[in-house]
Amino acid sequence: MDPLEKALKSLEARTLEELLTRLAEIQALRAKGEPVRLPQVTLHMRSGRELQGFLLEQRDDHRSGKLVVLHALSTDARRTEPDAIFVRSESIESLTVHDLPSLANPSRGGPPAPTRLELKRKLAERQASLASTLGTPLELEVDWERISQEPEGLAALETLSTRAFSVLEALARDVMGLEALRTNVRKLRLEVGSSAQVRREEQTLVLATTVSVMGWMSKEDLQTAIEKVL
């Protein structure tokens, strides 16, 4: 699939208001520590004016409806501090999202994605450690043929596995959590697909994530979802 088409699908927006809400959620993900890239946008106003910057927030205002908060980009070199512009949503005619395909990728400056061999070794170590903690057999299944060898796909699987094993190790240190894992889980299956989800198929715990960083589940959300299916 074309990178631009993939990025458009990841936004899942049908109206301008939905798109603004989705873009504002990216900032919320960043505030939680997710390695997302802030979307740079140009707001095209009904007045004909254009405002360019990074969309920070969409909030409700009881007097004027919804407001969009924009970290404005300035070409004035004399200004040493950033400006924030508060815009009524109803005054926006349309918007342009710049560098859209790259929004699905982790932010720059992070650690490089592991190679497939490196990731296989890490997963084997994590599996052995968790099985030792549980004291019961634990099979790990990864459909490597369906996972892209591109860095984005491997980075998504690495993040999912790191968070998953961290959550499972913590659960195994709790008496009730240990019993639930011993009783209900004999196989752990990790997937990279079109949506993030957690489900249990008999004694197989299935954890799935998306390639797009905007679809990743946080460690806290993953823990809640796992506890619900055990």
Protein backbone atom coordinates (compact mmCIF):
# COMPACT_ATOMS: atom_id res chain seq x y z
CA MET A 1 0.00 0.00 0.00
CA ASP A 2 1.22 3.51 -0.81
CA PRO A 3 2.66 5.28 2.31
CA LEU A 4 0.31 8.25 1.86
CA GLU A 5 -2.73 5.97 1.62
CA LYS A 6 -1.62 4.06 4.73
CA ALA A 7 -1.22 7.32 6.63
CA LEU A 8 -4.64 8.54 5.58
CA LYS A 9 -6.23 5.30 6.74
CA SER A 10 -4.51 5.56 10.12
CA LEU A 11 -6.16 8.92 10.77
CA GLU A 12 -9.63 7.39 10.36
CA ALA A 13 -11.24 10.79 9.86
CA ARG A 14 -14.43 11.50 7.95
CA THR A 15 -15.00 15.15 8.81
CA LEU A 16 -12.82 18.15 9.57
CA GLU A 17 -13.84 18.05 13.25
CA GLU A 18 -12.93 14.36 13.52
CA LEU A 19 -9.58 15.03 11.89
CA LEU A 20 -8.82 17.88 14.30
CA THR A 21 -9.72 15.62 17.22
CA ARG A 22 -7.49 12.83 15.93
CA LEU A 23 -4.55 15.15 15.41
CA ALA A 24 -4.99 16.59 18.90
CA GLU A 25 -4.91 13.05 20.30
CA ILE A 26 -1.39 12.67 18.94
CA GLN A 27 -0.21 15.40 21.31
CA ALA A 28 -1.91 13.55 24.17
CA LEU A 29 -0.01 10.39 23.19
CA ARG A 30 3.24 12.34 23.19
CA ALA A 31 2.45 13.66 26.66
CA LYS A 32 2.17 10.03 27.82
CA GLY A 33 5.67 9.32 26.52
CA GLU A 34 4.75 7.68 23.23
CA PRO A 35 7.37 8.26 20.48
CA VAL A 36 4.94 10.02 18.14
CA ARG A 37 5.72 12.92 15.85
CA LEU A 38 3.77 16.11 16.34
CA PRO A 39 1.71 16.96 13.25
CA GLN A 40 2.63 20.20 11.53
CA VAL A 41 -0.45 21.69 9.94
CA THR A 42 -1.67 24.72 8.05
CA LEU A 43 -5.12 25.92 9.06
CA HIS A 44 -6.95 27.57 6.18
CA MET A 45 -9.37 30.05 7.73
CA ARG A 46 -12.71 31.17 6.34
CA SER A 47 -11.28 34.71 6.37
CA GLY A 48 -8.63 33.65 3.86
CA ARG A 49 -5.81 33.75 6.40
CA GLU A 50 -3.50 30.78 6.87
CA LEU A 51 -1.98 29.73 10.20
CA GLN A 52 0.89 27.26 10.29
CA GLY A 53 2.24 25.37 13.27
CA PHE A 54 1.82 22.30 15.46
CA LEU A 55 -1.65 21.38 16.64
CA LEU A 56 -1.46 21.01 20.41
CA GLU A 57 -4.99 20.63 21.66
CA GLN A 58 -8.69 20.79 20.90
CA ARG A 59 -10.78 21.93 23.85
CA ASP A 60 -14.37 22.81 24.61
CA ASP A 61 -15.21 26.39 25.51
CA HIS A 62 -18.66 27.09 26.94
CA ARG A 63 -18.78 30.51 25.29
CA SER A 64 -17.52 29.87 21.78
CA GLY A 65 -17.74 26.11 21.22
CA LYS A 66 -14.61 24.16 20.35
CA LEU A 67 -11.20 25.81 20.31
CA VAL A 68 -8.04 24.61 18.59
CA VAL A 69 -4.71 25.50 20.21
CA LEU A 70 -1.89 25.91 17.74
CA HIS A 71 1.82 26.25 18.51
CA ALA A 72 2.47 28.81 15.80
CA LEU A 73 5.57 28.85 13.64
CA SER A 74 7.08 32.31 13.31
CA THR A 75 9.47 33.62 10.68
CA ASP A 76 10.40 36.52 12.94
CA ALA A 77 13.92 35.72 14.17
CA ARG A 78 13.59 38.35 16.90
CA ARG A 79 11.04 36.26 18.76
CA THR A 80 12.78 33.88 21.18
CA GLU A 81 9.66 32.20 22.61
CA PRO A 82 6.88 30.34 20.78
CA ASP A 83 3.40 31.73 20.26
CA ALA A 84 0.16 29.88 20.97
CA ILE A 85 -2.85 30.75 18.84
CA PHE A 86 -6.38 29.91 20.00
CA VAL A 87 -8.72 29.37 17.06
CA ARG A 88 -12.45 28.65 16.98
CA SER A 89 -13.03 25.40 15.11
CA GLU A 90 -15.97 26.86 13.22
CA SER A 91 -13.69 29.48 11.65
CA ILE A 92 -11.52 26.81 9.97
CA GLU A 93 -12.39 26.09 6.35
CA SER A 94 -9.86 23.28 5.79
CA LEU A 95 -6.43 22.13 6.87
CA THR A 96 -3.27 20.74 5.37
CA VAL A 97 -1.32 18.06 7.23
CA HIS A 98 2.35 18.27 6.29
CA ASP A 99 4.61 15.20 6.02
CA LEU A 100 1.60 12.97 6.59
CA PRO A 101 3.21 9.58 5.86
CA SER A 102 5.96 10.12 8.46
CA LEU A 103 3.41 10.63 11.25
CA ALA A 104 2.98 6.87 11.42
CA ASN A 105 6.69 6.40 12.18
CA PRO A 106 8.39 6.78 15.58
CA SER A 107 9.80 10.21 16.34
CA ARG A 108 13.35 10.97 15.26
CA GLY A 109 16.17 10.57 17.73
CA GLY A 110 14.95 7.31 19.26
CA PRO A 111 16.88 4.04 19.31
CA PRO A 112 17.17 2.26 15.95
CA ALA A 113 14.83 -0.62 15.24
CA PRO A 114 16.32 -4.05 15.93
CA THR A 115 17.12 -6.47 13.14
CA ARG A 116 14.97 -9.56 12.83
CA LEU A 117 17.76 -11.73 14.30
CA GLU A 118 18.27 -9.36 17.24
CA LEU A 119 14.54 -9.35 17.93
CA LYS A 120 14.31 -13.14 17.79
CA ARG A 121 17.08 -13.39 20.37
CA LYS A 122 15.40 -10.85 22.66
CA LEU A 123 12.06 -12.65 22.41
CA ALA A 124 13.66 -16.00 23.21
CA GLU A 125 15.29 -14.52 26.32
CA ARG A 126 12.04 -12.91 27.46
CA GLN A 127 10.09 -16.11 26.86
CA ALA A 128 12.56 -18.17 28.89
CA SER A 129 12.54 -15.64 31.73
CA LEU A 130 8.74 -15.53 31.95
CA ALA A 131 8.40 -19.32 31.71
CA SER A 132 10.88 -19.65 34.58
CA THR A 133 8.87 -17.19 36.67
CA LEU A 134 5.61 -19.02 35.92
CA GLY A 135 7.05 -22.45 36.52
CA THR A 136 4.91 -23.80 33.67
CA PRO A 137 5.56 -24.31 29.93
CA LEU A 138 5.06 -21.22 27.79
CA GLU A 139 5.17 -21.28 23.99
CA LEU A 140 5.86 -18.10 22.05
CA GLU A 141 4.43 -17.75 18.54
CA VAL A 142 5.28 -15.01 16.04
CA ASP A 143 4.21 -15.18 12.39
CA TRP A 144 7.42 -13.79 10.99
CA GLU A 145 6.24 -14.21 7.40
CA ARG A 146 3.47 -11.66 7.94
CA ILE A 147 5.64 -9.09 9.70
CA SER A 148 7.36 -6.58 7.49
CA GLN A 149 11.15 -6.67 7.51
CA GLU A 150 11.07 -2.88 7.28
CA PRO A 151 12.28 -1.07 10.44
CA GLU A 152 8.75 0.19 11.21
CA GLY A 153 7.30 -3.31 11.49
CA LEU A 154 10.15 -4.60 13.63
CA ALA A 155 10.00 -1.50 15.85
CA ALA A 156 6.29 -2.09 16.42
CA LEU A 157 6.87 -5.72 17.40
CA GLU A 158 9.77 -4.75 19.66
CA THR A 159 7.64 -2.18 21.49
CA LEU A 160 4.73 -4.61 21.86
CA SER A 161 6.95 -7.39 23.20
CA THR A 162 8.78 -5.09 25.64
CA ARG A 163 5.53 -3.81 27.11
CA ALA A 164 3.82 -7.21 27.06
CA PHE A 165 6.58 -9.09 28.88
CA SER A 166 6.91 -6.25 31.39
CA VAL A 167 3.18 -6.49 32.15
CA LEU A 168 3.21 -10.29 32.31
CA GLU A 169 6.28 -10.39 34.57
CA ALA A 170 4.59 -7.94 36.94
CA LEU A 171 1.40 -10.01 36.96
CA ALA A 172 3.41 -13.15 37.70
CA ARG A 173 4.81 -11.52 40.85
CA ASP A 174 1.26 -11.18 42.20
CA VAL A 175 -0.29 -14.31 43.73
CA MET A 176 -3.63 -13.97 41.94
CA GLY A 177 -1.95 -12.88 38.71
CA LEU A 178 0.43 -15.84 38.81
CA GLU A 179 -2.46 -18.27 39.28
CA ALA A 180 -4.42 -16.67 36.42
CA LEU A 181 -1.46 -16.95 34.05
CA ARG A 182 -0.69 -20.54 35.05
CA THR A 183 -4.30 -21.56 34.55
CA ASN A 184 -5.16 -19.65 31.38
CA VAL A 185 -1.99 -19.17 29.33
CA ARG A 186 0.15 -21.82 27.67
CA LYS A 187 0.97 -19.89 24.51
CA LEU A 188 1.68 -16.23 23.80
CA ARG A 189 1.11 -15.05 20.23
CA LEU A 190 2.39 -11.66 19.07
CA GLU A 191 1.01 -10.06 15.91
CA VAL A 192 1.46 -6.90 13.87
CA GLY A 193 -1.70 -6.11 11.96
CA SER A 194 -4.37 -3.55 11.18
CA SER A 195 -5.47 -2.92 14.76
CA ALA A 196 -4.22 -3.18 18.33
CA GLN A 197 -6.08 -5.76 20.40
CA VAL A 198 -5.83 -8.28 23.20
CA ARG A 199 -7.81 -11.52 23.22
CA ARG A 200 -7.61 -15.04 24.59
CA GLU A 201 -8.31 -18.12 22.48
CA GLU A 202 -8.57 -20.97 24.98
CA GLN A 203 -5.05 -21.05 26.46
CA THR A 204 -3.48 -18.76 23.87
CA LEU A 205 -3.03 -15.09 24.76
CA VAL A 206 -3.03 -13.05 21.55
CA LEU A 207 -1.51 -9.56 21.58
CA ALA A 208 -1.63 -7.47 18.41
CA THR A 209 -0.32 -4.05 17.51
CA THR A 210 -0.23 -1.79 14.47
CA VAL A 211 2.77 -0.66 12.47
CA SER A 212 1.67 2.94 12.93
CA VAL A 213 2.87 4.32 16.25
CA MET A 214 -0.45 6.16 16.56
CA GLY A 215 -2.20 2.82 17.05
CA TRP A 216 0.10 1.40 19.74
CA MET A 217 -1.39 0.53 23.12
CA SER A 218 0.32 2.07 26.11
CA LYS A 219 1.72 -0.23 28.78
CA GLU A 220 -1.14 0.77 31.09
CA ASP A 221 -3.81 0.06 28.46
CA LEU A 222 -2.15 -3.25 27.63
CA GLN A 223 -2.14 -4.28 31.28
CA THR A 224 -5.84 -3.44 31.66
CA ALA A 225 -6.74 -5.37 28.53
CA ILE A 226 -4.71 -8.44 29.56
CA GLU A 227 -6.22 -8.51 33.03
CA LYS A 228 -9.72 -8.43 31.52
CA VAL A 229 -9.18 -11.59 29.45
CA LEU A 230 -7.43 -13.69 32.10
